[in-house]
Amino acid sequence: MFHKMAQMIQAHTERMLLDEVFATYRDVQDAAAEMAQVLPCPRCGKQTMKMRLHSNALSRQVPGITICDRCGTEEALEDAVHQPMDVRKWALIETYMKGANLK
């Protein structure tokens, strides 16, 4: 029983941490767009985002986050077969959450 409770607490903590990272990134993404700066795609990590934030793909997995067109297409295909990529594998999460033990 204790082990199951510990797992539930860890899962909740992880979810809160991921939500916080994406909320912060939304703010950074919006600020960068206002300053006409382009950030790398948060999903693949490549410099494939368009200058105008609204002309990129809107993530199906993370509300309010824009991703590059290629990742948008991949998300659509994954959604069609009900096998979405785990957000913990996104470049944004792998880059900023190293050492947080999100496995």
PDB file of N, CA and C in Angstrom:
ATOM      1  N   MET A   1       0.821  -1.189   0.000  1.00  0.00           N
ATOM      2  CA  MET A   1       0.000   0.000   0.000  1.00  0.00           C
ATOM      3  C   MET A   1       0.877   1.269   0.000  1.00  0.00           C
ATOM      4  N   PHE A   2       1.922   1.269   0.813  1.00  0.00           N
ATOM      5  CA  PHE A   2       2.808   2.422   0.879  1.00  0.00           C
ATOM      6  C   PHE A   2       3.470   2.673  -0.476  1.00  0.00           C
ATOM      7  N   HIS A   3       3.892   1.596  -1.150  1.00  0.00           N
ATOM      8  CA  HIS A   3       4.557   1.726  -2.455  1.00  0.00           C
ATOM      9  C   HIS A   3       3.609   2.356  -3.478  1.00  0.00           C
ATOM     10  N   LYS A   4       2.354   1.938  -3.461  1.00  0.00           N
ATOM     11  CA  LYS A   4       1.380   2.484  -4.402  1.00  0.00           C
ATOM     12  C   LYS A   4       1.131   3.968  -4.113  1.00  0.00           C
ATOM     13  N   MET A   5       1.051   4.334  -2.848  1.00  0.00           N
ATOM     14  CA  MET A   5       0.853   5.723  -2.454  1.00  0.00           C
ATOM     15  C   MET A   5       2.045   6.576  -2.902  1.00  0.00           C
ATOM     16  N   ALA A   6       3.255   6.046  -2.733  1.00  0.00           N
ATOM     17  CA  ALA A   6       4.463   6.761  -3.152  1.00  0.00           C
ATOM     18  C   ALA A   6       4.460   6.970  -4.668  1.00  0.00           C
ATOM     19  N   GLN A   7       4.012   5.976  -5.421  1.00  0.00           N
ATOM     20  CA  GLN A   7       3.932   6.096  -6.880  1.00  0.00           C
ATOM     21  C   GLN A   7       2.923   7.169  -7.279  1.00  0.00           C
ATOM     22  N   MET A   8       1.795   7.215  -6.583  1.00  0.00           N
ATOM     23  CA  MET A   8       0.770   8.218  -6.879  1.00  0.00           C
ATOM     24  C   MET A   8       1.289   9.630  -6.600  1.00  0.00           C
ATOM     25  N   ILE A   9       2.017   9.784  -5.507  1.00  0.00           N
ATOM     26  CA  ILE A   9       2.581  11.087  -5.172  1.00  0.00           C
ATOM     27  C   ILE A   9       3.621  11.498  -6.206  1.00  0.00           C
ATOM     28  N   GLN A  10       4.465  10.552  -6.621  1.00  0.00           N
ATOM     29  CA  GLN A  10       5.487  10.849  -7.626  1.00  0.00           C
ATOM     30  C   GLN A  10       4.836  11.232  -8.957  1.00  0.00           C
ATOM     31  N   ALA A  11       3.789  10.512  -9.367  1.00  0.00           N
ATOM     32  CA  ALA A  11       3.103  10.816 -10.624  1.00  0.00           C
ATOM     33  C   ALA A  11       2.459  12.209 -10.565  1.00  0.00           C
ATOM     34  N   HIS A  12       1.863  12.538  -9.437  1.00  0.00           N
ATOM     35  CA  HIS A  12       1.241  13.854  -9.284  1.00  0.00           C
ATOM     36  C   HIS A  12       2.300  14.961  -9.326  1.00  0.00           C
ATOM     37  N   THR A  13       3.398  14.754  -8.634  1.00  0.00           N
ATOM     38  CA  THR A  13       4.488  15.730  -8.613  1.00  0.00           C
ATOM     39  C   THR A  13       5.053  15.924 -10.013  1.00  0.00           C
ATOM     40  N   GLU A  14       5.231  14.829 -10.729  1.00  0.00           N
ATOM     41  CA  GLU A  14       5.754  14.893 -12.098  1.00  0.00           C
ATOM     42  C   GLU A  14       4.809  15.682 -12.987  1.00  0.00           C
ATOM     43  N   ARG A  15       3.499  15.428 -12.880  1.00  0.00           N
ATOM     44  CA  ARG A  15       2.510  16.119 -13.703  1.00  0.00           C
ATOM     45  C   ARG A  15       2.535  17.619 -13.420  1.00  0.00           C
ATOM     46  N   MET A  16       2.633  17.966 -12.133  1.00  0.00           N
ATOM     47  CA  MET A  16       2.693  19.382 -11.759  1.00  0.00           C
ATOM     48  C   MET A  16       3.945  20.050 -12.326  1.00  0.00           C
ATOM     49  N   LEU A  17       5.062  19.345 -12.283  1.00  0.00           N
ATOM     50  CA  LEU A  17       6.313  19.873 -12.806  1.00  0.00           C
ATOM     51  C   LEU A  17       6.234  20.074 -14.316  1.00  0.00           C
ATOM     52  N   LEU A  18       5.679  19.112 -15.026  1.00  0.00           N
ATOM     53  CA  LEU A  18       5.520  19.239 -16.479  1.00  0.00           C
ATOM     54  C   LEU A  18       4.586  20.400 -16.815  1.00  0.00           C
ATOM     55  N   ASP A  19       3.483  20.515 -16.084  1.00  0.00           N
ATOM     56  CA  ASP A  19       2.553  21.618 -16.313  1.00  0.00           C
ATOM     57  C   ASP A  19       3.234  22.969 -16.115  1.00  0.00           C
ATOM     58  N   GLU A  20       4.077  23.051 -15.095  1.00  0.00           N
ATOM     59  CA  GLU A  20       4.796  24.294 -14.811  1.00  0.00           C
ATOM     60  C   GLU A  20       5.779  24.632 -15.926  1.00  0.00           C
ATOM     61  N   VAL A  21       6.485  23.635 -16.435  1.00  0.00           N
ATOM     62  CA  VAL A  21       7.437  23.866 -17.527  1.00  0.00           C
ATOM     63  C   VAL A  21       6.705  24.358 -18.771  1.00  0.00           C
ATOM     64  N   PHE A  22       5.582  23.712 -19.113  1.00  0.00           N
ATOM     65  CA  PHE A  22       4.845  24.133 -20.309  1.00  0.00           C
ATOM     66  C   PHE A  22       4.207  25.505 -20.128  1.00  0.00           C
ATOM     67  N   ALA A  23       3.725  25.829 -18.935  1.00  0.00           N
ATOM     68  CA  ALA A  23       3.155  27.153 -18.686  1.00  0.00           C
ATOM     69  C   ALA A  23       4.229  28.232 -18.835  1.00  0.00           C
ATOM     70  N   THR A  24       5.403  27.969 -18.308  1.00  0.00           N
ATOM     71  CA  THR A  24       6.512  28.914 -18.444  1.00  0.00           C
ATOM     72  C   THR A  24       6.911  29.055 -19.905  1.00  0.00           C
ATOM     73  N   TYR A  25       6.955  27.927 -20.625  1.00  0.00           N
ATOM     74  CA  TYR A  25       7.336  27.982 -22.031  1.00  0.00           C
ATOM     75  C   TYR A  25       6.318  28.773 -22.850  1.00  0.00           C
ATOM     76  N   ARG A  26       5.023  28.638 -22.530  1.00  0.00           N
ATOM     77  CA  ARG A  26       4.002  29.418 -23.239  1.00  0.00           C
ATOM     78  C   ARG A  26       4.296  30.913 -23.100  1.00  0.00           C
ATOM     79  N   ASP A  27       4.634  31.332 -21.894  1.00  0.00           N
ATOM     80  CA  ASP A  27       4.961  32.738 -21.674  1.00  0.00           C
ATOM     81  C   ASP A  27       6.201  33.155 -22.464  1.00  0.00           C
ATOM     82  N   VAL A  28       7.222  32.316 -22.461  1.00  0.00           N
ATOM     83  CA  VAL A  28       8.457  32.605 -23.196  1.00  0.00           C
ATOM     84  C   VAL A  28       8.181  32.643 -24.693  1.00  0.00           C
ATOM     85  N   GLN A  29       7.377  31.714 -25.169  1.00  0.00           N
ATOM     86  CA  GLN A  29       7.045  31.650 -26.594  1.00  0.00           C
ATOM     87  C   GLN A  29       6.301  32.920 -27.016  1.00  0.00           C
ATOM     88  N   ASP A  30       5.367  33.367 -26.203  1.00  0.00           N
ATOM     89  CA  ASP A  30       4.619  34.584 -26.521  1.00  0.00           C
ATOM     90  C   ASP A  30       5.531  35.813 -26.509  1.00  0.00           C
ATOM     91  N   ALA A  31       6.417  35.890 -25.513  1.00  0.00           N
ATOM     92  CA  ALA A  31       7.345  37.024 -25.423  1.00  0.00           C
ATOM     93  C   ALA A  31       8.298  37.047 -26.616  1.00  0.00           C
ATOM     94  N   ALA A  32       8.789  35.892 -27.003  1.00  0.00           N
ATOM     95  CA  ALA A  32       9.703  35.812 -28.148  1.00  0.00           C
ATOM     96  C   ALA A  32       8.993  36.264 -29.420  1.00  0.00           C
ATOM     97  N   ALA A  33       7.727  35.886 -29.571  1.00  0.00           N
ATOM     98  CA  ALA A  33       6.972  36.287 -30.755  1.00  0.00           C
ATOM     99  C   ALA A  33       6.801  37.803 -30.803  1.00  0.00           C
ATOM    100  N   GLU A  34       6.558  38.404 -29.656  1.00  0.00           N
ATOM    101  CA  GLU A  34       6.410  39.859 -29.600  1.00  0.00           C
ATOM    102  C   GLU A  34       7.703  40.571 -29.968  1.00  0.00           C
ATOM    103  N   MET A  35       8.839  39.956 -29.668  1.00  0.00           N
ATOM    104  CA  MET A  35      10.138  40.561 -29.970  1.00  0.00           C
ATOM    105  C   MET A  35      10.685  40.091 -31.321  1.00  0.00           C
ATOM    106  N   ALA A  36       9.852  39.388 -32.093  1.00  0.00           N
ATOM    107  CA  ALA A  36      10.235  38.881 -33.406  1.00  0.00           C
ATOM    108  C   ALA A  36      11.450  37.961 -33.335  1.00  0.00           C
ATOM    109  N   GLN A  37      11.500  37.128 -32.297  1.00  0.00           N
ATOM    110  CA  GLN A  37      12.553  36.127 -32.165  1.00  0.00           C
ATOM    111  C   GLN A  37      11.931  34.745 -32.363  1.00  0.00           C
ATOM    112  N   VAL A  38      12.715  33.846 -32.902  1.00  0.00           N
ATOM    113  CA  VAL A  38      12.230  32.500 -33.150  1.00  0.00           C
ATOM    114  C   VAL A  38      12.924  31.529 -32.202  1.00  0.00           C
ATOM    115  N   LEU A  39      12.138  30.778 -31.475  1.00  0.00           N
ATOM    116  CA  LEU A  39      12.672  29.746 -30.582  1.00  0.00           C
ATOM    117  C   LEU A  39      12.721  28.423 -31.332  1.00  0.00           C
ATOM    118  N   PRO A  40      13.530  27.486 -30.885  1.00  0.00           N
ATOM    119  CA  PRO A  40      13.493  26.154 -31.491  1.00  0.00           C
ATOM    120  C   PRO A  40      12.150  25.484 -31.179  1.00  0.00           C
ATOM    121  N   CYS A  41      11.791  24.530 -31.978  1.00  0.00           N
ATOM    122  CA  CYS A  41      10.558  23.776 -31.744  1.00  0.00           C
ATOM    123  C   CYS A  41      10.677  23.054 -30.399  1.00  0.00           C
ATOM    124  N   PRO A  42       9.691  23.198 -29.520  1.00  0.00           N
ATOM    125  CA  PRO A  42       9.787  22.544 -28.215  1.00  0.00           C
ATOM    126  C   PRO A  42       9.677  21.021 -28.291  1.00  0.00           C
ATOM    127  N   ARG A  43       9.141  20.517 -29.393  1.00  0.00           N
ATOM    128  CA  ARG A  43       8.964  19.066 -29.520  1.00  0.00           C
ATOM    129  C   ARG A  43      10.212  18.394 -30.067  1.00  0.00           C
ATOM    130  N   CYS A  44      10.765  18.914 -31.178  1.00  0.00           N
ATOM    131  CA  CYS A  44      11.930  18.272 -31.801  1.00  0.00           C
ATOM    132  C   CYS A  44      13.243  18.975 -31.463  1.00  0.00           C
ATOM    133  N   GLY A  45      13.157  20.229 -31.026  1.00  0.00           N
ATOM    134  CA  GLY A  45      14.354  20.980 -30.656  1.00  0.00           C
ATOM    135  C   GLY A  45      15.084  21.622 -31.819  1.00  0.00           C
ATOM    136  N   LYS A  46      14.552  21.489 -33.023  1.00  0.00           N
ATOM    137  CA  LYS A  46      15.220  22.046 -34.204  1.00  0.00           C
ATOM    138  C   LYS A  46      14.752  23.471 -34.471  1.00  0.00           C
ATOM    139  N   GLN A  47      15.558  24.204 -35.200  1.00  0.00           N
ATOM    140  CA  GLN A  47      15.230  25.582 -35.576  1.00  0.00           C
ATOM    141  C   GLN A  47      14.322  25.574 -36.799  1.00  0.00           C
ATOM    142  N   THR A  48      13.141  25.009 -36.656  1.00  0.00           N
ATOM    143  CA  THR A  48      12.226  24.869 -37.786  1.00  0.00           C
ATOM    144  C   THR A  48      10.935  25.668 -37.607  1.00  0.00           C
ATOM    145  N   MET A  49      10.887  26.499 -36.574  1.00  0.00           N
ATOM    146  CA  MET A  49       9.692  27.310 -36.335  1.00  0.00           C
ATOM    147  C   MET A  49       9.687  28.507 -37.277  1.00  0.00           C
ATOM    148  N   LYS A  50       8.483  28.941 -37.653  1.00  0.00           N
ATOM    149  CA  LYS A  50       8.337  30.119 -38.502  1.00  0.00           C
ATOM    150  C   LYS A  50       8.345  31.372 -37.636  1.00  0.00           C
ATOM    151  N   MET A  51       8.701  32.494 -38.231  1.00  0.00           N
ATOM    152  CA  MET A  51       8.789  33.755 -37.503  1.00  0.00           C
ATOM    153  C   MET A  51       7.455  34.131 -36.870  1.00  0.00           C
ATOM    154  N   ARG A  52       6.380  34.010 -37.618  1.00  0.00           N
ATOM    155  CA  ARG A  52       5.059  34.334 -37.080  1.00  0.00           C
ATOM    156  C   ARG A  52       4.533  33.133 -36.310  1.00  0.00           C
ATOM    157  N   LEU A  53       4.389  33.311 -35.019  1.00  0.00           N
ATOM    158  CA  LEU A  53       4.001  32.218 -34.135  1.00  0.00           C
ATOM    159  C   LEU A  53       2.707  31.556 -34.580  1.00  0.00           C
ATOM    160  N   HIS A  54       1.727  32.344 -35.015  1.00  0.00           N
ATOM    161  CA  HIS A  54       0.427  31.792 -35.400  1.00  0.00           C
ATOM    162  C   HIS A  54       0.468  30.973 -36.687  1.00  0.00           C
ATOM    163  N   SER A  55       1.560  31.022 -37.426  1.00  0.00           N
ATOM    164  CA  SER A  55       1.644  30.243 -38.659  1.00  0.00           C
ATOM    165  C   SER A  55       2.301  28.873 -38.449  1.00  0.00           C
ATOM    166  N   ASN A  56       2.663  28.562 -37.210  1.00  0.00           N
ATOM    167  CA  ASN A  56       3.172  27.235 -36.857  1.00  0.00           C
ATOM    168  C   ASN A  56       1.993  26.347 -36.454  1.00  0.00           C
ATOM    169  N   ALA A  57       2.265  25.079 -36.236  1.00  0.00           N
ATOM    170  CA  ALA A  57       1.218  24.141 -35.835  1.00  0.00           C
ATOM    171  C   ALA A  57       0.931  24.284 -34.340  1.00  0.00           C
ATOM    172  N   LEU A  58      -0.324  24.127 -33.970  1.00  0.00           N
ATOM    173  CA  LEU A  58      -0.721  24.140 -32.569  1.00  0.00           C
ATOM    174  C   LEU A  58      -0.689  22.696 -32.072  1.00  0.00           C
ATOM    175  N   SER A  59       0.009  22.462 -30.982  1.00  0.00           N
ATOM    176  CA  SER A  59       0.137  21.107 -30.453  1.00  0.00           C
ATOM    177  C   SER A  59      -1.229  20.543 -30.069  1.00  0.00           C
ATOM    178  N   ARG A  60      -1.447  19.279 -30.371  1.00  0.00           N
ATOM    179  CA  ARG A  60      -2.664  18.582 -29.961  1.00  0.00           C
ATOM    180  C   ARG A  60      -2.521  18.071 -28.533  1.00  0.00           C
ATOM    181  N   GLN A  61      -1.282  17.904 -28.084  1.00  0.00           N
ATOM    182  CA  GLN A  61      -1.030  17.332 -26.765  1.00  0.00           C
ATOM    183  C   GLN A  61      -0.931  18.369 -25.662  1.00  0.00           C
ATOM    184  N   VAL A  62      -0.359  19.522 -25.969  1.00  0.00           N
ATOM    185  CA  VAL A  62      -0.127  20.536 -24.951  1.00  0.00           C
ATOM    186  C   VAL A  62      -0.829  21.824 -25.388  1.00  0.00           C
ATOM    187  N   PRO A  63      -1.962  22.125 -24.779  1.00  0.00           N
ATOM    188  CA  PRO A  63      -2.724  23.314 -25.172  1.00  0.00           C
ATOM    189  C   PRO A  63      -1.906  24.596 -25.080  1.00  0.00           C
ATOM    190  N   GLY A  64      -2.024  25.418 -26.119  1.00  0.00           N
ATOM    191  CA  GLY A  64      -1.369  26.716 -26.126  1.00  0.00           C
ATOM    192  C   GLY A  64       0.071  26.717 -26.587  1.00  0.00           C
ATOM    193  N   ILE A  65       0.626  25.562 -26.890  1.00  0.00           N
ATOM    194  CA  ILE A  65       2.020  25.465 -27.340  1.00  0.00           C
ATOM    195  C   ILE A  65       2.027  25.280 -28.854  1.00  0.00           C
ATOM    196  N   THR A  66       2.835  26.092 -29.539  1.00  0.00           N
ATOM    197  CA  THR A  66       2.999  25.907 -30.975  1.00  0.00           C
ATOM    198  C   THR A  66       4.266  25.114 -31.234  1.00  0.00           C
ATOM    199  N   ILE A  67       4.198  24.300 -32.252  1.00  0.00           N
ATOM    200  CA  ILE A  67       5.310  23.439 -32.656  1.00  0.00           C
ATOM    201  C   ILE A  67       5.524  23.610 -34.152  1.00  0.00           C
ATOM    202  N   CYS A  68       6.622  23.106 -34.666  1.00  0.00           N
ATOM    203  CA  CYS A  68       6.894  23.249 -36.103  1.00  0.00           C
ATOM    204  C   CYS A  68       5.896  22.406 -36.909  1.00  0.00           C
ATOM    205  N   ASP A  69       5.796  22.721 -38.173  1.00  0.00           N
ATOM    206  CA  ASP A  69       4.837  22.022 -39.029  1.00  0.00           C
ATOM    207  C   ASP A  69       5.096  20.512 -39.093  1.00  0.00           C
ATOM    208  N   ARG A  70       6.361  20.138 -39.156  1.00  0.00           N
ATOM    209  CA  ARG A  70       6.682  18.709 -39.224  1.00  0.00           C
ATOM    210  C   ARG A  70       6.188  17.989 -37.971  1.00  0.00           C
ATOM    211  N   CYS A  71       6.447  18.574 -36.801  1.00  0.00           N
ATOM    212  CA  CYS A  71       5.977  17.966 -35.558  1.00  0.00           C
ATOM    213  C   CYS A  71       4.455  17.979 -35.488  1.00  0.00           C
ATOM    214  N   GLY A  72       3.846  19.022 -36.041  1.00  0.00           N
ATOM    215  CA  GLY A  72       2.384  19.078 -36.090  1.00  0.00           C
ATOM    216  C   GLY A  72       1.815  17.933 -36.909  1.00  0.00           C
ATOM    217  N   THR A  73       2.450  17.643 -38.031  1.00  0.00           N
ATOM    218  CA  THR A  73       2.025  16.520 -38.865  1.00  0.00           C
ATOM    219  C   THR A  73       2.230  15.200 -38.134  1.00  0.00           C
ATOM    220  N   GLU A  74       3.386  15.062 -37.460  1.00  0.00           N
ATOM    221  CA  GLU A  74       3.649  13.835 -36.704  1.00  0.00           C
ATOM    222  C   GLU A  74       2.625  13.648 -35.590  1.00  0.00           C
ATOM    223  N   GLU A  75       2.279  14.734 -34.897  1.00  0.00           N
ATOM    224  CA  GLU A  75       1.271  14.637 -33.835  1.00  0.00           C
ATOM    225  C   GLU A  75      -0.076  14.206 -34.402  1.00  0.00           C
ATOM    226  N   ALA A  76      -0.444  14.733 -35.565  1.00  0.00           N
ATOM    227  CA  ALA A  76      -1.717  14.363 -36.185  1.00  0.00           C
ATOM    228  C   ALA A  76      -1.739  12.880 -36.536  1.00  0.00           C
ATOM    229  N   LEU A  77      -0.631  12.383 -37.091  1.00  0.00           N
ATOM    230  CA  LEU A  77      -0.559  10.966 -37.447  1.00  0.00           C
ATOM    231  C   LEU A  77      -0.583  10.087 -36.198  1.00  0.00           C
ATOM    232  N   GLU A  78       0.125  10.503 -35.153  1.00  0.00           N
ATOM    233  CA  GLU A  78       0.128   9.754 -33.893  1.00  0.00           C
ATOM    234  C   GLU A  78      -1.265   9.747 -33.273  1.00  0.00           C
ATOM    235  N   ASP A  79      -1.950  10.880 -33.376  1.00  0.00           N
ATOM    236  CA  ASP A  79      -3.306  10.990 -32.843  1.00  0.00           C
ATOM    237  C   ASP A  79      -4.261  10.065 -33.598  1.00  0.00           C
ATOM    238  N   ALA A  80      -4.045   9.937 -34.888  1.00  0.00           N
ATOM    239  CA  ALA A  80      -4.908   9.084 -35.714  1.00  0.00           C
ATOM    240  C   ALA A  80      -4.817   7.615 -35.308  1.00  0.00           C
ATOM    241  N   VAL A  81      -3.650   7.196 -34.849  1.00  0.00           N
ATOM    242  CA  VAL A  81      -3.474   5.794 -34.437  1.00  0.00           C
ATOM    243  C   VAL A  81      -3.477   5.649 -32.912  1.00  0.00           C
ATOM    244  N   HIS A  82      -3.847   6.733 -32.223  1.00  0.00           N
ATOM    245  CA  HIS A  82      -3.960   6.737 -30.752  1.00  0.00           C
ATOM    246  C   HIS A  82      -2.665   6.326 -30.050  1.00  0.00           C
ATOM    247  N   GLN A  83      -1.527   6.808 -30.573  1.00  0.00           N
ATOM    248  CA  GLN A  83      -0.229   6.530 -29.965  1.00  0.00           C
ATOM    249  C   GLN A  83       0.586   7.826 -29.893  1.00  0.00           C
ATOM    250  N   PRO A  84       0.149   8.763 -29.044  1.00  0.00           N
ATOM    251  CA  PRO A  84       0.883  10.030 -28.971  1.00  0.00           C
ATOM    252  C   PRO A  84       2.259   9.856 -28.346  1.00  0.00           C
ATOM    253  N   MET A  85       3.177  10.675 -28.787  1.00  0.00           N
ATOM    254  CA  MET A  85       4.529  10.691 -28.219  1.00  0.00           C
ATOM    255  C   MET A  85       4.428  11.180 -26.773  1.00  0.00           C
ATOM    256  N   ASP A  86       5.128  10.547 -25.884  1.00  0.00           N
ATOM    257  CA  ASP A  86       5.163  10.957 -24.484  1.00  0.00           C
ATOM    258  C   ASP A  86       5.800  12.341 -24.405  1.00  0.00           C
ATOM    259  N   VAL A  87       5.129  13.301 -23.771  1.00  0.00           N
ATOM    260  CA  VAL A  87       5.670  14.668 -23.711  1.00  0.00           C
ATOM    261  C   VAL A  87       7.000  14.731 -22.973  1.00  0.00           C
ATOM    262  N   ARG A  88       7.307  13.722 -22.175  1.00  0.00           N
ATOM    263  CA  ARG A  88       8.595  13.702 -21.486  1.00  0.00           C
ATOM    264  C   ARG A  88       9.746  13.475 -22.461  1.00  0.00           C
ATOM    265  N   LYS A  89       9.433  13.091 -23.701  1.00  0.00           N
ATOM    266  CA  LYS A  89      10.454  12.893 -24.728  1.00  0.00           C
ATOM    267  C   LYS A  89      10.632  14.131 -25.605  1.00  0.00           C
ATOM    268  N   TRP A  90       9.845  15.162 -25.357  1.00  0.00           N
ATOM    269  CA  TRP A  90      10.004  16.409 -26.113  1.00  0.00           C
ATOM    270  C   TRP A  90      11.370  17.000 -25.798  1.00  0.00           C
ATOM    271  N   ALA A  91      11.967  17.655 -26.764  1.00  0.00           N
ATOM    272  CA  ALA A  91      13.273  18.289 -26.585  1.00  0.00           C
ATOM    273  C   ALA A  91      13.240  19.286 -25.431  1.00  0.00           C
ATOM    274  N   LEU A  92      12.152  20.043 -25.303  1.00  0.00           N
ATOM    275  CA  LEU A  92      12.031  21.016 -24.223  1.00  0.00           C
ATOM    276  C   LEU A  92      12.167  20.343 -22.863  1.00  0.00           C
ATOM    277  N   ILE A  93      11.479  19.248 -22.674  1.00  0.00           N
ATOM    278  CA  ILE A  93      11.497  18.549 -21.391  1.00  0.00           C
ATOM    279  C   ILE A  93      12.850  17.876 -21.172  1.00  0.00           C
ATOM    280  N   GLU A  94      13.368  17.212 -22.195  1.00  0.00           N
ATOM    281  CA  GLU A  94      14.663  16.542 -22.045  1.00  0.00           C
ATOM    282  C   GLU A  94      15.779  17.550 -21.753  1.00  0.00           C
ATOM    283  N   THR A  95      15.680  18.730 -22.326  1.00  0.00           N
ATOM    284  CA  THR A  95      16.707  19.755 -22.116  1.00  0.00           C
ATOM    285  C   THR A  95      16.620  20.358 -20.720  1.00  0.00           C
ATOM    286  N   TYR A  96      15.423  20.760 -20.331  1.00  0.00           N
ATOM    287  CA  TYR A  96      15.273  21.513 -19.085  1.00  0.00           C
ATOM    288  C   TYR A  96      15.012  20.649 -17.856  1.00  0.00           C
ATOM    289  N   MET A  97      14.715  19.403 -18.055  1.00  0.00           N
ATOM    290  CA  MET A  97      14.384  18.572 -16.904  1.00  0.00           C
ATOM    291  C   MET A  97      15.427  17.498 -16.636  1.00  0.00           C
ATOM    292  N   LYS A  98      16.608  17.646 -17.185  1.00  0.00           N
ATOM    293  CA  LYS A  98      17.668  16.671 -16.924  1.00  0.00           C
ATOM    294  C   LYS A  98      17.888  16.561 -15.425  1.00  0.00           C
ATOM    295  N   GLY A  99      17.980  15.350 -14.977  1.00  0.00           N
ATOM    296  CA  GLY A  99      18.237  15.134 -13.571  1.00  0.00           C
ATOM    297  C   GLY A  99      17.007  15.138 -12.685  1.00  0.00           C
ATOM    298  N   ALA A 100      15.824  15.408 -13.265  1.00  0.00           N
ATOM    299  CA  ALA A 100      14.606  15.448 -12.455  1.00  0.00           C
ATOM    300  C   ALA A 100      13.979  14.060 -12.313  1.00  0.00           C
ATOM    301  N   ASN A 101      14.580  13.060 -12.940  1.00  0.00           N
ATOM    302  CA  ASN A 101      14.119  11.671 -12.840  1.00  0.00           C
ATOM    303  C   ASN A 101      12.673  11.521 -13.303  1.00  0.00           C
ATOM    304  N   LEU A 102      12.370  11.961 -14.518  1.00  0.00           N
ATOM    305  CA  LEU A 102      11.022  11.852 -15.071  1.00  0.00           C
ATOM    306  C   LEU A 102      10.919  10.630 -15.969  1.00  0.00           C
ATOM    307  N   LYS A 103      11.014   9.478 -15.393  1.00  0.00           N
ATOM    308  CA  LYS A 103      10.967   8.245 -16.179  1.00  0.00           C
ATOM    309  C   LYS A 103       9.780   7.417 -15.810  1.00  0.00           C
TER     310      LYS A 103
END
